[in-house]
């Protein structure tokens, strides 16, 4: 997964890895230049809308809310806005017209049908992974030529979910 955070005048792009529900920062760039990532791990808290964040061994509780494509995170008296860039979203390249799963998960909702014309950025389906909803969007306009899964199906990371042709 890749996330971007706008802080001050710079834009951070953060690579995140997932290991059994524990997210860790794996890479970080500031305005396109690599920087050493801090030791950060994130896990679910006991209550909905909260995350446990560990930064260099110090534990913090973050309150989170999703608004559109953005996550609003309130921690230690500061608010951060974070945007996730998913495989299959309008900001990612499509591999031979197919959208792939950004991580293992379950298909919650399919919003298109085979043969349907779609526009760039249109949400094609919604999947759940790590108790979060991920919208898979069309990287370009075209016709849905194939839906590979149905609602309720489990999918692996990188699995092609939808194919779009001209």
Protein backbone atom coordinates (compact mmCIF):
# COMPACT_ATOMS: atom_id res chain seq x y z
CA UNK A 1 0.00 0.00 0.00
CA UNK A 2 1.10 3.52 -0.57
CA UNK A 3 -0.11 6.50 1.44
CA UNK A 4 0.52 10.23 1.05
CA UNK A 5 0.44 12.83 3.81
CA UNK A 6 0.61 16.57 3.31
CA UNK A 7 2.44 18.17 6.24
CA UNK A 8 3.54 21.81 6.09
CA UNK A 9 4.99 22.60 2.68
CA UNK A 10 6.14 19.04 1.83
CA UNK A 11 4.29 15.92 0.71
CA UNK A 12 5.28 12.61 2.27
CA UNK A 13 4.68 9.38 0.39
CA UNK A 14 4.77 6.36 2.69
CA UNK A 15 5.02 2.68 1.78
CA UNK A 16 3.24 0.44 4.28
CA UNK A 17 3.60 -3.31 4.75
CA UNK A 18 1.06 -5.59 6.42
CA UNK A 19 1.96 -8.56 8.61
CA UNK A 20 -1.03 -10.29 10.22
CA UNK A 21 -2.94 -7.03 10.77
CA UNK A 22 0.08 -5.03 11.99
CA UNK A 23 0.99 -2.22 9.58
CA UNK A 24 4.59 -0.99 9.48
CA UNK A 25 6.18 1.89 7.58
CA UNK A 26 8.49 0.25 5.01
CA UNK A 27 9.60 3.28 2.96
CA UNK A 28 9.21 7.03 2.94
CA UNK A 29 9.78 9.87 0.49
CA UNK A 30 9.51 13.62 0.96
CA UNK A 31 8.58 15.35 -2.31
CA UNK A 32 9.97 12.36 -4.26
CA UNK A 33 13.30 12.06 -2.39
CA UNK A 34 13.92 9.03 -0.16
CA UNK A 35 14.19 9.62 3.59
CA UNK A 36 14.81 7.14 6.40
CA UNK A 37 11.40 6.01 7.68
CA UNK A 38 10.76 6.27 11.42
CA UNK A 39 10.01 3.08 13.37
CA UNK A 40 6.21 3.18 13.23
CA UNK A 41 3.69 0.34 13.57
CA UNK A 42 -0.11 0.56 13.55
CA UNK A 43 -2.74 -1.89 14.78
CA UNK A 44 -6.47 -1.83 15.55
CA UNK A 45 -7.53 -0.59 18.97
CA UNK A 46 -10.35 -2.10 21.00
CA UNK A 47 -12.88 0.57 19.99
CA UNK A 48 -14.18 1.41 16.52
CA UNK A 49 -12.52 4.50 15.07
CA UNK A 50 -9.31 4.09 17.04
CA UNK A 51 -5.84 2.80 16.20
CA UNK A 52 -2.84 1.92 18.34
CA UNK A 53 0.24 3.66 16.95
CA UNK A 54 3.73 2.84 18.17
CA UNK A 55 6.44 5.35 17.26
CA UNK A 56 10.00 4.38 18.22
CA UNK A 57 8.65 2.25 21.08
CA UNK A 58 6.22 4.89 22.46
CA UNK A 59 2.50 3.98 22.30
CA UNK A 60 -0.14 6.46 21.15
CA UNK A 61 -3.90 6.24 20.61
CA UNK A 62 -5.20 7.75 17.36
CA UNK A 63 -8.81 8.57 16.52
CA UNK A 64 -9.60 8.03 12.82
CA UNK A 65 -12.46 8.83 10.47
CA UNK A 66 -12.76 8.25 6.72
CA UNK A 67 -14.20 11.06 4.63
CA UNK A 68 -14.34 10.28 0.92
CA UNK A 69 -10.87 9.04 -0.12
CA UNK A 70 -9.15 10.62 2.89
CA UNK A 71 -8.48 9.39 6.41
CA UNK A 72 -8.54 12.07 9.13
CA UNK A 73 -6.28 11.06 11.99
CA UNK A 74 -6.26 12.90 15.33
CA UNK A 75 -3.30 12.02 17.56
CA UNK A 76 -1.49 13.91 20.30
CA UNK A 77 -3.48 17.10 19.71
CA UNK A 78 -2.72 17.23 15.97
CA UNK A 79 -4.86 16.32 12.97
CA UNK A 80 -3.33 14.65 9.90
CA UNK A 81 -5.04 13.98 6.56
CA UNK A 82 -3.86 10.79 4.85
CA UNK A 83 -4.77 9.48 1.39
CA UNK A 84 -4.26 5.86 0.36
CA UNK A 85 -3.30 5.10 -3.23
CA UNK A 86 -4.57 1.60 -4.04
CA UNK A 87 -3.71 -0.70 -6.87
CA UNK A 88 -6.56 -0.39 -9.35
CA UNK A 89 -7.34 3.19 -8.37
CA UNK A 90 -7.36 6.06 -10.86
CA UNK A 91 -3.83 7.01 -9.80
CA UNK A 92 -2.31 3.61 -10.50
CA UNK A 93 -1.35 1.98 -13.78
CA UNK A 94 -3.54 -0.81 -15.06
CA UNK A 95 -1.86 -4.05 -16.04
CA UNK A 96 -3.32 -5.05 -19.42
CA UNK A 97 -6.70 -3.51 -18.53
CA UNK A 98 -7.19 -5.42 -15.25
CA UNK A 99 -7.65 -4.04 -11.73
CA UNK A 100 -6.00 -6.09 -8.99
CA UNK A 101 -6.61 -6.54 -5.27
CA UNK A 102 -4.38 -4.22 -3.18
CA UNK A 103 -4.25 -6.85 -0.40
CA UNK A 104 -6.03 -10.07 0.65
CA UNK A 105 -9.69 -9.43 1.43
CA UNK A 106 -13.36 -10.08 0.74
CA UNK A 107 -15.53 -8.61 -2.02
CA UNK A 108 -18.31 -6.60 -0.31
CA UNK A 109 -20.07 -4.96 -3.23
CA UNK A 110 -19.89 -5.00 -7.03
CA UNK A 111 -21.11 -1.75 -8.57
CA UNK A 112 -20.82 -2.62 -12.28
CA UNK A 113 -21.89 -5.38 -14.67
CA UNK A 114 -20.06 -7.09 -17.50
CA UNK A 115 -20.60 -5.10 -20.69
CA UNK A 116 -21.18 -1.83 -18.81
CA UNK A 117 -19.32 1.31 -19.96
CA UNK A 118 -17.40 3.02 -17.13
CA UNK A 119 -15.60 6.33 -16.81
CA UNK A 120 -12.11 6.92 -15.45
CA UNK A 121 -12.13 7.02 -11.63
CA UNK A 122 -15.53 5.31 -11.34
CA UNK A 123 -15.74 2.88 -8.42
CA UNK A 124 -16.11 -0.65 -9.77
CA UNK A 125 -16.26 -2.65 -6.56
CA UNK A 126 -15.68 -2.42 -2.82
CA UNK A 127 -13.62 -4.94 -0.89
CA UNK A 128 -12.88 -5.33 2.81
CA UNK A 129 -9.36 -5.91 4.05
CA UNK A 130 -8.12 -5.42 7.61
CA UNK A 131 -11.62 -4.23 8.61
CA UNK A 132 -11.36 -1.30 6.18
CA UNK A 133 -13.23 -0.78 2.94
CA UNK A 134 -11.18 -0.31 -0.23
CA UNK A 135 -12.73 1.10 -3.40
CA UNK A 136 -11.33 -0.31 -6.62
CA UNK A 137 -11.64 2.35 -9.32
CA UNK A 138 -11.32 2.33 -13.10
CA UNK A 139 -7.93 3.70 -14.22
CA UNK A 140 -9.47 4.66 -17.58
CA UNK A 141 -12.77 4.80 -19.41
CA UNK A 142 -13.90 1.65 -21.22
CA UNK A 143 -16.16 -1.38 -21.12
CA UNK A 144 -16.13 -3.95 -18.31
CA UNK A 145 -15.13 -7.10 -20.20
CA UNK A 146 -14.88 -9.45 -17.23
CA UNK A 147 -15.71 -9.64 -13.53
CA UNK A 148 -13.61 -12.38 -11.94
CA UNK A 149 -15.33 -12.59 -8.53
CA UNK A 150 -18.71 -12.30 -6.80
CA UNK A 151 -19.85 -10.67 -3.55
CA UNK A 152 -18.54 -12.66 -0.58
CA UNK A 153 -15.55 -14.14 -2.43
CA UNK A 154 -12.12 -14.05 -0.74
CA UNK A 155 -9.30 -12.76 -2.94
CA UNK A 156 -5.52 -12.74 -2.64
CA UNK A 157 -3.30 -9.68 -3.03
CA UNK A 158 -2.55 -8.98 -6.68
CA UNK A 159 -5.47 -11.05 -7.99
CA UNK A 160 -7.15 -9.50 -11.05
CA UNK A 161 -10.66 -8.45 -10.02
CA UNK A 162 -12.03 -6.66 -13.08
CA UNK A 163 -10.93 -6.28 -16.70
CA UNK A 164 -11.70 -3.21 -18.81
CA UNK A 165 -11.43 -3.11 -22.59
CA UNK A 166 -12.01 -0.40 -25.16
